[in-house]
Amino acid sequence: MGDRWTVLLVDDALSATTALQHALHDAGAVVRTATSASEGISLLMDEPCDVAIVDLELPGESGLAVLQHLRVDGGQTPVLMVSLADDVATRAEAFRRGADDFLVKPFSVPELLARVDRRRALHRALLVSRTEATRLHELAVTDGLTQVANHRHFQDRLREEFRRAQRYDDPLALILIDLDHFKTVNDNFGHQAGDEVLVAVAAAIKAAVRETDFVARYGGEEFAVLLPKTHLAGALTVAERTAADVKQLVVGSAGLKVTGSFGVSGFPGRSVNTSEQLVRTADEALYRAKREGRNKISLFQASTVVTTI
């Protein structure tokens, strides 16, 4: 019989729809019935349905109220409207409100079932298409190794967050992280060990930041963290916590340990009026940390280099 699916049948003449209920049940459906729009909406609020068959002429509110409820927030549940009225204006109004199909009473049960099957098939295809589109989008914006955002996604998000910060006069901070002596890991232990280090570091960074922060692999052994609504002081706290967590990692069977150099910059700030300048100043701070001996945090707008714990 296949998977069970649910039908909401809203019709005040249930005696005339007994054959339909039996046919839907035989087709594998669990049928819930209501005799008014308010009762149908109440059932939907308790539990959604896979298909709705709604009579247009109901006591009190018309079946269009049920249709409207199902279309709130872009709902795509297939809805078949049935009606005694057989005029163009009635059909047009139902379709304008979002109905997927329209049958005139008395209707043929086999025809209605065929229409239900067709609408279910189209709905399943739509869901599969959306799922596949989501999957492809995730692949396009995610670094395949570390499963954090890739460089392209970082650039898009950077521009978006910078525009938002400018518009609402909010602070925005950026941390750039470069793993120290990473080439030595690849040279001495192989690229697989290097990949394990990158995966572990990405996970440690994600665990150290807030859900609202954005982590990306900037390139090679570099990572970037965007911190919306965060001043430099807050970004420094995040950088210190992240640096400490990365330093505590012990990766793989070789027990590899790693440290990072951190560059931090923020908006609004000196020499930071564009998203490109935010990256450039964070990059300058990062290289200052590396010149000072690595395993350090450097703030672009500070005159000192803060050593990690």
C-alpha atoms as a PDB file:
ATOM      1  CA  MET A   1       0.000   0.000   0.000  1.00  0.00           C
ATOM      2  CA  GLY A   2       3.010   2.326   0.471  1.00  0.00           C
ATOM      3  CA  ASP A   3       3.504   5.132   2.940  1.00  0.00           C
ATOM      4  CA  ARG A   4       0.445   6.554   4.635  1.00  0.00           C
ATOM      5  CA  TRP A   5      -0.457  10.106   3.786  1.00  0.00           C
ATOM      6  CA  THR A   6      -3.019  12.450   5.254  1.00  0.00           C
ATOM      7  CA  VAL A   7      -5.990  14.148   3.639  1.00  0.00           C
ATOM      8  CA  LEU A   8      -8.066  16.896   5.203  1.00  0.00           C
ATOM      9  CA  LEU A   9     -11.605  16.744   3.803  1.00  0.00           C
ATOM     10  CA  VAL A  10     -13.621  19.849   4.638  1.00  0.00           C
ATOM     11  CA  ASP A  11     -17.266  19.467   3.571  1.00  0.00           C
ATOM     12  CA  ASP A  12     -20.514  19.918   5.466  1.00  0.00           C
ATOM     13  CA  ALA A  13     -22.227  17.228   3.361  1.00  0.00           C
ATOM     14  CA  LEU A  14     -20.214  14.291   4.641  1.00  0.00           C
ATOM     15  CA  SER A  15     -22.943  11.799   3.783  1.00  0.00           C
ATOM     16  CA  ALA A  16     -22.346  12.636   0.128  1.00  0.00           C
ATOM     17  CA  THR A  17     -18.586  12.088   0.459  1.00  0.00           C
ATOM     18  CA  THR A  18     -18.619   8.653   2.080  1.00  0.00           C
ATOM     19  CA  ALA A  19     -17.513   6.976  -1.144  1.00  0.00           C
ATOM     20  CA  LEU A  20     -14.673   9.490  -1.431  1.00  0.00           C
ATOM     21  CA  GLN A  21     -13.496   8.755   2.102  1.00  0.00           C
ATOM     22  CA  HIS A  22     -13.450   5.018   1.404  1.00  0.00           C
ATOM     23  CA  ALA A  23     -11.616   5.527  -1.880  1.00  0.00           C
ATOM     24  CA  LEU A  24      -9.007   7.750  -0.232  1.00  0.00           C
ATOM     25  CA  HIS A  25      -8.536   5.195   2.530  1.00  0.00           C
ATOM     26  CA  ASP A  26      -8.062   2.439  -0.037  1.00  0.00           C
ATOM     27  CA  ALA A  27      -5.460   4.640  -1.742  1.00  0.00           C
ATOM     28  CA  GLY A  28      -3.439   4.730   1.471  1.00  0.00           C
ATOM     29  CA  ALA A  29      -4.673   7.972   2.960  1.00  0.00           C
ATOM     30  CA  VAL A  30      -5.551   8.794   6.530  1.00  0.00           C
ATOM     31  CA  VAL A  31      -8.651  10.969   6.189  1.00  0.00           C
ATOM     32  CA  ARG A  32      -9.536  13.681   8.666  1.00  0.00           C
ATOM     33  CA  THR A  33     -12.870  15.415   8.231  1.00  0.00           C
ATOM     34  CA  ALA A  34     -14.319  18.781   9.161  1.00  0.00           C
ATOM     35  CA  THR A  35     -17.707  20.338   8.470  1.00  0.00           C
ATOM     36  CA  SER A  36     -16.722  24.013   8.691  1.00  0.00           C
ATOM     37  CA  ALA A  37     -13.807  26.246   7.831  1.00  0.00           C
ATOM     38  CA  SER A  38     -13.048  26.960  11.477  1.00  0.00           C
ATOM     39  CA  GLU A  39     -13.019  23.250  12.316  1.00  0.00           C
ATOM     40  CA  GLY A  40     -10.741  22.553   9.334  1.00  0.00           C
ATOM     41  CA  ILE A  41      -8.318  25.290  10.364  1.00  0.00           C
ATOM     42  CA  SER A  42      -8.322  23.972  13.927  1.00  0.00           C
ATOM     43  CA  LEU A  43      -7.372  20.504  12.655  1.00  0.00           C
ATOM     44  CA  LEU A  44      -4.582  21.995  10.561  1.00  0.00           C
ATOM     45  CA  MET A  45      -3.216  23.850  13.552  1.00  0.00           C
ATOM     46  CA  ASP A  46      -3.041  20.543  15.422  1.00  0.00           C
ATOM     47  CA  GLU A  47      -1.422  18.662  12.552  1.00  0.00           C
ATOM     48  CA  PRO A  48      -0.636  19.546   8.927  1.00  0.00           C
ATOM     49  CA  CYS A  49      -1.924  17.470   6.027  1.00  0.00           C
ATOM     50  CA  ASP A  50      -0.463  16.236   2.745  1.00  0.00           C
ATOM     51  CA  VAL A  51      -3.515  17.162   0.672  1.00  0.00           C
ATOM     52  CA  ALA A  52      -6.629  19.231   1.375  1.00  0.00           C
ATOM     53  CA  ILE A  53      -9.985  18.791  -0.370  1.00  0.00           C
ATOM     54  CA  VAL A  54     -12.135  21.766   0.557  1.00  0.00           C
ATOM     55  CA  ASP A  55     -15.747  22.596  -0.265  1.00  0.00           C
ATOM     56  CA  LEU A  56     -16.179  26.208  -1.237  1.00  0.00           C
ATOM     57  CA  GLU A  57     -19.707  26.501   0.223  1.00  0.00           C
ATOM     58  CA  LEU A  58     -19.505  25.945   3.973  1.00  0.00           C
ATOM     59  CA  PRO A  59     -21.569  27.225   6.905  1.00  0.00           C
ATOM     60  CA  GLY A  60     -20.034  30.423   8.268  1.00  0.00           C
ATOM     61  CA  GLU A  61     -16.779  31.219   6.513  1.00  0.00           C
ATOM     62  CA  SER A  62     -16.312  29.801   3.046  1.00  0.00           C
ATOM     63  CA  GLY A  63     -13.711  27.230   2.126  1.00  0.00           C
ATOM     64  CA  LEU A  64     -11.503  30.075   0.939  1.00  0.00           C
ATOM     65  CA  ALA A  65     -10.631  30.679   4.605  1.00  0.00           C
ATOM     66  CA  VAL A  66      -9.088  27.203   4.789  1.00  0.00           C
ATOM     67  CA  LEU A  67      -7.239  27.839   1.551  1.00  0.00           C
ATOM     68  CA  GLN A  68      -5.935  31.141   2.874  1.00  0.00           C
ATOM     69  CA  HIS A  69      -4.715  29.440   6.069  1.00  0.00           C
ATOM     70  CA  LEU A  70      -2.836  26.841   4.021  1.00  0.00           C
ATOM     71  CA  ARG A  71      -1.156  29.562   1.959  1.00  0.00           C
ATOM     72  CA  VAL A  72       0.157  31.579   4.904  1.00  0.00           C
ATOM     73  CA  ASP A  73       3.955  32.003   4.728  1.00  0.00           C
ATOM     74  CA  GLY A  74       4.084  30.452   1.292  1.00  0.00           C
ATOM     75  CA  GLY A  75       2.560  27.091   2.239  1.00  0.00           C
ATOM     76  CA  GLN A  76       2.516  24.707  -0.715  1.00  0.00           C
ATOM     77  CA  THR A  77       0.151  21.942   0.467  1.00  0.00           C
ATOM     78  CA  PRO A  78      -1.895  20.786  -2.561  1.00  0.00           C
ATOM     79  CA  VAL A  79      -5.468  22.098  -2.252  1.00  0.00           C
ATOM     80  CA  LEU A  80      -8.376  20.915  -4.382  1.00  0.00           C
ATOM     81  CA  MET A  81     -11.470  23.080  -4.137  1.00  0.00           C
ATOM     82  CA  VAL A  82     -14.910  21.586  -4.835  1.00  0.00           C
ATOM     83  CA  SER A  83     -18.081  23.582  -5.392  1.00  0.00           C
ATOM     84  CA  LEU A  84     -21.664  23.469  -6.614  1.00  0.00           C
ATOM     85  CA  ALA A  85     -20.930  26.651  -8.537  1.00  0.00           C
ATOM     86  CA  ASP A  86     -19.805  26.182 -12.100  1.00  0.00           C
ATOM     87  CA  ASP A  87     -18.909  29.654 -13.286  1.00  0.00           C
ATOM     88  CA  VAL A  88     -15.713  31.316 -14.423  1.00  0.00           C
ATOM     89  CA  ALA A  89     -15.692  33.943 -11.658  1.00  0.00           C
ATOM     90  CA  THR A  90     -15.832  31.336  -8.867  1.00  0.00           C
ATOM     91  CA  ARG A  91     -13.046  29.262 -10.405  1.00  0.00           C
ATOM     92  CA  ALA A  92     -10.924  32.339 -11.031  1.00  0.00           C
ATOM     93  CA  GLU A  93     -11.253  33.497  -7.419  1.00  0.00           C
ATOM     94  CA  ALA A  94     -10.258  30.069  -6.103  1.00  0.00           C
ATOM     95  CA  PHE A  95      -7.201  29.915  -8.333  1.00  0.00           C
ATOM     96  CA  ARG A  96      -6.297  33.503  -7.512  1.00  0.00           C
ATOM     97  CA  ARG A  97      -6.305  32.595  -3.811  1.00  0.00           C
ATOM     98  CA  GLY A  98      -3.922  29.706  -4.479  1.00  0.00           C
ATOM     99  CA  ALA A  99      -6.067  26.631  -5.232  1.00  0.00           C
ATOM    100  CA  ASP A 100      -4.267  23.917  -7.193  1.00  0.00           C
ATOM    101  CA  ASP A 101      -7.380  22.398  -8.736  1.00  0.00           C
ATOM    102  CA  PHE A 102     -11.140  22.893  -8.911  1.00  0.00           C
ATOM    103  CA  LEU A 103     -13.955  20.365  -9.396  1.00  0.00           C
ATOM    104  CA  VAL A 104     -17.671  20.932  -9.718  1.00  0.00           C
ATOM    105  CA  LYS A 105     -20.095  18.865  -7.670  1.00  0.00           C
ATOM    106  CA  PRO A 106     -21.212  16.220  -8.208  1.00  0.00           C
ATOM    107  CA  PHE A 107     -17.777  14.973  -9.216  1.00  0.00           C
ATOM    108  CA  SER A 108     -16.438  11.589 -10.220  1.00  0.00           C
ATOM    109  CA  VAL A 109     -14.527   9.976  -7.356  1.00  0.00           C
ATOM    110  CA  PRO A 110     -12.029   8.273  -9.699  1.00  0.00           C
ATOM    111  CA  GLU A 111     -11.389  11.601 -11.426  1.00  0.00           C
ATOM    112  CA  LEU A 112     -10.817  13.364  -8.108  1.00  0.00           C
ATOM    113  CA  LEU A 113      -8.422  10.600  -6.997  1.00  0.00           C
ATOM    114  CA  ALA A 114      -6.518  10.943 -10.250  1.00  0.00           C
ATOM    115  CA  ARG A 115      -6.244  14.683  -9.701  1.00  0.00           C
ATOM    116  CA  VAL A 116      -5.084  14.130  -6.116  1.00  0.00           C
ATOM    117  CA  ASP A 117      -2.410  11.681  -7.301  1.00  0.00           C
ATOM    118  CA  ARG A 118      -1.243  14.167  -9.898  1.00  0.00           C
ATOM    119  CA  ARG A 119      -1.018  17.004  -7.386  1.00  0.00           C
ATOM    120  CA  ARG A 120       0.840  14.807  -4.895  1.00  0.00           C
ATOM    121  CA  ALA A 121       3.332  13.791  -7.592  1.00  0.00           C
ATOM    122  CA  LEU A 122       3.931  17.418  -8.574  1.00  0.00           C
ATOM    123  CA  HIS A 123       4.336  18.415  -4.929  1.00  0.00           C
ATOM    124  CA  ARG A 124       6.855  15.622  -4.299  1.00  0.00           C
ATOM    125  CA  ALA A 125       8.804  16.654  -7.393  1.00  0.00           C
ATOM    126  CA  LEU A 126       8.837  20.251  -6.152  1.00  0.00           C
ATOM    127  CA  LEU A 127      10.133  19.188  -2.739  1.00  0.00           C
ATOM    128  CA  VAL A 128      12.840  17.039  -4.323  1.00  0.00           C
ATOM    129  CA  SER A 129      13.827  19.923  -6.584  1.00  0.00           C
ATOM    130  CA  ARG A 130      14.067  22.315  -3.651  1.00  0.00           C
ATOM    131  CA  THR A 131      16.056  19.808  -1.613  1.00  0.00           C
ATOM    132  CA  GLU A 132      18.461  19.299  -4.489  1.00  0.00           C
ATOM    133  CA  ALA A 133      18.763  23.057  -5.002  1.00  0.00           C
ATOM    134  CA  THR A 134      19.550  23.465  -1.298  1.00  0.00           C
ATOM    135  CA  ARG A 135      22.143  20.694  -1.471  1.00  0.00           C
ATOM    136  CA  LEU A 136      23.808  22.225  -4.519  1.00  0.00           C
ATOM    137  CA  HIS A 137      23.823  25.637  -2.853  1.00  0.00           C
ATOM    138  CA  GLU A 138      25.474  24.171   0.241  1.00  0.00           C
ATOM    139  CA  LEU A 139      28.114  22.522  -1.932  1.00  0.00           C
ATOM    140  CA  ALA A 140      28.740  25.811  -3.709  1.00  0.00           C
ATOM    141  CA  VAL A 141      29.300  27.816  -0.516  1.00  0.00           C
ATOM    142  CA  THR A 142      30.968  25.225   1.737  1.00  0.00           C
ATOM    143  CA  ASP A 143      34.611  24.200   1.888  1.00  0.00           C
ATOM    144  CA  GLY A 144      34.608  20.499   1.086  1.00  0.00           C
ATOM    145  CA  LEU A 145      37.324  19.587   3.595  1.00  0.00           C
ATOM    146  CA  THR A 146      36.553  21.610   6.700  1.00  0.00           C
ATOM    147  CA  GLN A 147      32.785  22.051   6.173  1.00  0.00           C
ATOM    148  CA  VAL A 148      32.927  25.732   7.043  1.00  0.00           C
ATOM    149  CA  ALA A 149      32.113  28.443   4.501  1.00  0.00           C
ATOM    150  CA  ASN A 150      34.441  28.789   1.526  1.00  0.00           C
ATOM    151  CA  HIS A 151      36.198  31.935   0.305  1.00  0.00           C
ATOM    152  CA  ARG A 152      33.431  32.854  -2.143  1.00  0.00           C
ATOM    153  CA  HIS A 153      30.765  32.635   0.553  1.00  0.00           C
ATOM    154  CA  PHE A 154      32.960  34.671   2.895  1.00  0.00           C
ATOM    155  CA  GLN A 155      33.236  37.484   0.364  1.00  0.00           C
ATOM    156  CA  ASP A 156      29.470  37.560  -0.156  1.00  0.00           C
ATOM    157  CA  ARG A 157      28.773  37.526   3.584  1.00  0.00           C
ATOM    158  CA  LEU A 158      31.435  40.151   4.241  1.00  0.00           C
ATOM    159  CA  ARG A 159      29.815  42.602   1.832  1.00  0.00           C
ATOM    160  CA  GLU A 160      26.380  41.851   3.266  1.00  0.00           C
ATOM    161  CA  GLU A 161      27.448  42.318   6.899  1.00  0.00           C
ATOM    162  CA  PHE A 162      29.432  45.454   6.099  1.00  0.00           C
ATOM    163  CA  ARG A 163      26.453  47.057   4.358  1.00  0.00           C
ATOM    164  CA  ARG A 164      24.285  46.171   7.362  1.00  0.00           C
ATOM    165  CA  ALA A 165      26.834  47.607   9.796  1.00  0.00           C
ATOM    166  CA  GLN A 166      27.001  50.859   7.819  1.00  0.00           C
ATOM    167  CA  ARG A 167      23.239  51.153   7.511  1.00  0.00           C
ATOM    168  CA  TYR A 168      22.477  50.608  11.193  1.00  0.00           C
ATOM    169  CA  ASP A 169      25.687  52.105  12.568  1.00  0.00           C
ATOM    170  CA  ASP A 170      26.639  48.774  14.153  1.00  0.00           C
ATOM    171  CA  PRO A 171      30.171  47.579  14.892  1.00  0.00           C
ATOM    172  CA  LEU A 172      31.630  44.717  12.862  1.00  0.00           C
ATOM    173  CA  ALA A 173      34.841  42.850  13.606  1.00  0.00           C
ATOM    174  CA  LEU A 174      36.980  40.495  11.547  1.00  0.00           C
ATOM    175  CA  ILE A 175      39.516  37.952  12.754  1.00  0.00           C
ATOM    176  CA  LEU A 176      41.989  36.419  10.299  1.00  0.00           C
ATOM    177  CA  ILE A 177      43.816  33.315  11.492  1.00  0.00           C
ATOM    178  CA  ASP A 178      46.903  31.765   9.925  1.00  0.00           C
ATOM    179  CA  LEU A 179      48.191  28.437  11.264  1.00  0.00           C
ATOM    180  CA  ASP A 180      51.836  28.646  12.271  1.00  0.00           C
ATOM    181  CA  HIS A 181      54.406  26.561  10.371  1.00  0.00           C
ATOM    182  CA  PHE A 182      51.682  24.566   8.639  1.00  0.00           C
ATOM    183  CA  LYS A 183      53.990  23.685   5.743  1.00  0.00           C
ATOM    184  CA  THR A 184      56.128  21.771   8.223  1.00  0.00           C
ATOM    185  CA  VAL A 185      53.152  19.568   9.079  1.00  0.00           C
ATOM    186  CA  ASN A 186      52.598  18.680   5.421  1.00  0.00           C
ATOM    187  CA  ASP A 187      56.316  18.166   4.765  1.00  0.00           C
ATOM    188  CA  ASN A 188      56.984  16.008   7.821  1.00  0.00           C
ATOM    189  CA  PHE A 189      53.724  14.114   8.242  1.00  0.00           C
ATOM    190  CA  GLY A 190      52.048  14.257   4.838  1.00  0.00           C
ATOM    191  CA  HIS A 191      49.059  16.079   3.403  1.00  0.00           C
ATOM    192  CA  GLN A 192      46.550  13.719   5.017  1.00  0.00           C
ATOM    193  CA  ALA A 193      47.845  14.737   8.440  1.00  0.00           C
ATOM    194  CA  GLY A 194      47.644  18.350   7.310  1.00  0.00           C
ATOM    195  CA  ASP A 195      44.015  17.846   6.311  1.00  0.00           C
ATOM    196  CA  GLU A 196      43.272  16.357   9.730  1.00  0.00           C
ATOM    197  CA  VAL A 197      44.750  19.448  11.354  1.00  0.00           C
ATOM    198  CA  LEU A 198      42.646  21.769   9.190  1.00  0.00           C
ATOM    199  CA  VAL A 199      39.454  19.850  10.020  1.00  0.00           C
ATOM    200  CA  ALA A 200      40.235  19.903  13.742  1.00  0.00           C
ATOM    201  CA  VAL A 201      41.088  23.603  13.736  1.00  0.00           C
ATOM    202  CA  ALA A 202      37.918  24.502  11.831  1.00  0.00           C
ATOM    203  CA  ALA A 203      35.844  22.580  14.387  1.00  0.00           C
ATOM    204  CA  ALA A 204      37.657  24.298  17.275  1.00  0.00           C
ATOM    205  CA  ILE A 205      37.036  27.738  15.782  1.00  0.00           C
ATOM    206  CA  LYS A 206      33.336  27.028  15.256  1.00  0.00           C
ATOM    207  CA  ALA A 207      33.029  25.800  18.837  1.00  0.00           C
ATOM    208  CA  ALA A 208      34.745  28.903  20.208  1.00  0.00           C
ATOM    209  CA  VAL A 209      32.558  31.521  18.509  1.00  0.00           C
ATOM    210  CA  ARG A 210      28.897  32.436  18.804  1.00  0.00           C
ATOM    211  CA  GLU A 211      26.170  31.076  16.555  1.00  0.00           C
ATOM    212  CA  THR A 212      25.781  34.546  15.063  1.00  0.00           C
ATOM    213  CA  ASP A 213      29.450  34.658  14.040  1.00  0.00           C
ATOM    214  CA  PHE A 214      30.527  33.454  10.607  1.00  0.00           C
ATOM    215  CA  VAL A 215      33.474  31.097  10.099  1.00  0.00           C
ATOM    216  CA  ALA A 216      35.123  30.526   6.729  1.00  0.00           C
ATOM    217  CA  ARG A 217      38.220  28.940   5.299  1.00  0.00           C
ATOM    218  CA  TYR A 218      39.899  31.958   3.784  1.00  0.00           C
ATOM    219  CA  GLY A 219      42.410  29.918   1.830  1.00  0.00           C
ATOM    220  CA  GLY A 220      45.033  27.242   2.465  1.00  0.00           C
ATOM    221  CA  GLU A 221      45.711  27.261   6.193  1.00  0.00           C
ATOM    222  CA  GLU A 222      43.955  30.589   6.783  1.00  0.00           C
ATOM    223  CA  PHE A 223      40.549  31.038   8.395  1.00  0.00           C
ATOM    224  CA  ALA A 224      38.314  34.079   8.813  1.00  0.00           C
ATOM    225  CA  VAL A 225      35.721  34.892  11.465  1.00  0.00           C
ATOM    226  CA  LEU A 226      33.177  37.679  10.965  1.00  0.00           C
ATOM    227  CA  LEU A 227      31.667  38.984  14.185  1.00  0.00           C
ATOM    228  CA  PRO A 228      28.547  41.137  13.634  1.00  0.00           C
ATOM    229  CA  LYS A 229      27.682  43.768  16.236  1.00  0.00           C
ATOM    230  CA  THR A 230      31.047  43.242  17.927  1.00  0.00           C
ATOM    231  CA  HIS A 231      33.582  45.876  18.983  1.00  0.00           C
ATOM    232  CA  LEU A 232      37.325  45.228  18.999  1.00  0.00           C
ATOM    233  CA  ALA A 233      37.295  44.422  22.711  1.00  0.00           C
ATOM    234  CA  GLY A 234      34.753  41.664  22.157  1.00  0.00           C
ATOM    235  CA  ALA A 235      36.638  40.409  19.110  1.00  0.00           C
ATOM    236  CA  LEU A 236      39.835  40.246  21.147  1.00  0.00           C
ATOM    237  CA  THR A 237      38.066  38.084  23.727  1.00  0.00           C
ATOM    238  CA  VAL A 238      36.879  35.720  20.993  1.00  0.00           C
ATOM    239  CA  ALA A 239      40.362  35.625  19.448  1.00  0.00           C
ATOM    240  CA  GLU A 240      41.962  34.802  22.795  1.00  0.00           C
ATOM    241  CA  ARG A 241      39.479  32.022  23.469  1.00  0.00           C
ATOM    242  CA  THR A 242      39.897  30.610  19.970  1.00  0.00           C
ATOM    243  CA  ALA A 243      43.687  30.756  20.151  1.00  0.00           C
ATOM    244  CA  ALA A 244      43.681  28.920  23.465  1.00  0.00           C
ATOM    245  CA  ASP A 245      41.354  26.201  22.129  1.00  0.00           C
ATOM    246  CA  VAL A 246      43.437  25.714  18.982  1.00  0.00           C
ATOM    247  CA  LYS A 247      46.619  25.514  21.049  1.00  0.00           C
ATOM    248  CA  GLN A 248      45.095  22.712  23.160  1.00  0.00           C
ATOM    249  CA  LEU A 249      44.358  20.505  20.141  1.00  0.00           C
ATOM    250  CA  VAL A 250      46.149  17.199  19.791  1.00  0.00           C
ATOM    251  CA  VAL A 251      45.506  15.893  16.282  1.00  0.00           C
ATOM    252  CA  GLY A 252      45.808  12.408  14.836  1.00  0.00           C
ATOM    253  CA  SER A 253      47.924   9.430  15.777  1.00  0.00           C
ATOM    254  CA  ALA A 254      51.053  11.587  15.613  1.00  0.00           C
ATOM    255  CA  GLY A 255      49.645  13.834  18.361  1.00  0.00           C
ATOM    256  CA  LEU A 256      50.181  16.973  16.311  1.00  0.00           C
ATOM    257  CA  LYS A 257      49.870  20.322  18.037  1.00  0.00           C
ATOM    258  CA  VAL A 258      49.357  23.632  16.323  1.00  0.00           C
ATOM    259  CA  THR A 259      49.172  27.333  17.087  1.00  0.00           C
ATOM    260  CA  GLY A 260      47.876  30.264  15.104  1.00  0.00           C
ATOM    261  CA  SER A 261      48.650  33.904  14.432  1.00  0.00           C
ATOM    262  CA  PHE A 262      45.647  36.217  14.655  1.00  0.00           C
ATOM    263  CA  GLY A 263      44.911  39.575  13.076  1.00  0.00           C
ATOM    264  CA  VAL A 264      41.910  41.553  14.294  1.00  0.00           C
ATOM    265  CA  SER A 265      40.317  44.678  12.857  1.00  0.00           C
ATOM    266  CA  GLY A 266      36.965  46.350  13.174  1.00  0.00           C
ATOM    267  CA  PHE A 267      34.468  48.833  11.815  1.00  0.00           C
ATOM    268  CA  PRO A 268      34.078  51.665  12.539  1.00  0.00           C
ATOM    269  CA  GLY A 269      37.761  52.302  12.880  1.00  0.00           C
ATOM    270  CA  ARG A 270      40.794  54.090  11.595  1.00  0.00           C
ATOM    271  CA  SER A 271      41.342  53.377   7.880  1.00  0.00           C
ATOM    272  CA  VAL A 272      38.264  51.143   7.728  1.00  0.00           C
ATOM    273  CA  ASN A 273      35.560  52.587   5.514  1.00  0.00           C
ATOM    274  CA  THR A 274      34.935  49.662   3.169  1.00  0.00           C
ATOM    275  CA  SER A 275      34.751  45.881   3.429  1.00  0.00           C
ATOM    276  CA  GLU A 276      38.007  45.651   1.473  1.00  0.00           C
ATOM    277  CA  GLN A 277      39.727  47.884   4.009  1.00  0.00           C
ATOM    278  CA  LEU A 278      38.419  45.727   6.848  1.00  0.00           C
ATOM    279  CA  VAL A 279      40.137  42.699   5.281  1.00  0.00           C
ATOM    280  CA  ARG A 280      43.307  44.633   4.475  1.00  0.00           C
ATOM    281  CA  THR A 281      43.691  45.975   8.015  1.00  0.00           C
ATOM    282  CA  ALA A 282      43.022  42.572   9.574  1.00  0.00           C
ATOM    283  CA  ASP A 283      45.592  41.122   7.190  1.00  0.00           C
ATOM    284  CA  GLU A 284      48.131  43.764   8.190  1.00  0.00           C
ATOM    285  CA  ALA A 285      47.539  42.943  11.852  1.00  0.00           C
ATOM    286  CA  LEU A 286      47.928  39.228  11.077  1.00  0.00           C
ATOM    287  CA  TYR A 287      51.289  39.727   9.420  1.00  0.00           C
ATOM    288  CA  ARG A 288      52.433  41.881  12.294  1.00  0.00           C
ATOM    289  CA  ALA A 289      51.620  39.005  14.642  1.00  0.00           C
ATOM    290  CA  LYS A 290      53.673  36.680  12.424  1.00  0.00           C
ATOM    291  CA  ARG A 291      56.597  39.107  12.306  1.00  0.00           C
ATOM    292  CA  GLU A 292      56.512  39.342  16.087  1.00  0.00           C
ATOM    293  CA  GLY A 293      57.158  35.611  16.362  1.00  0.00           C
ATOM    294  CA  ARG A 294      53.771  33.978  15.623  1.00  0.00           C
ATOM    295  CA  ASN A 295      51.349  32.443  18.176  1.00  0.00           C
ATOM    296  CA  LYS A 296      50.161  35.971  18.878  1.00  0.00           C
ATOM    297  CA  ILE A 297      47.109  38.204  18.457  1.00  0.00           C
ATOM    298  CA  SER A 298      47.527  41.601  16.843  1.00  0.00           C
ATOM    299  CA  LEU A 299      44.897  44.339  16.841  1.00  0.00           C
ATOM    300  CA  PHE A 300      45.092  46.715  13.908  1.00  0.00           C
ATOM    301  CA  GLN A 301      43.960  49.706  15.947  1.00  0.00           C
ATOM    302  CA  ALA A 302      46.232  48.997  18.891  1.00  0.00           C
ATOM    303  CA  SER A 303      49.885  49.831  19.233  1.00  0.00           C
ATOM    304  CA  THR A 304      50.744  46.604  21.026  1.00  0.00           C
ATOM    305  CA  VAL A 305      50.715  42.951  20.112  1.00  0.00           C
ATOM    306  CA  VAL A 306      48.852  40.797  22.598  1.00  0.00           C
ATOM    307  CA  THR A 307      50.459  37.406  23.229  1.00  0.00           C
ATOM    308  CA  THR A 308      48.080  34.434  23.372  1.00  0.00           C
ATOM    309  CA  ILE A 309      47.630  32.547  26.576  1.00  0.00           C
END
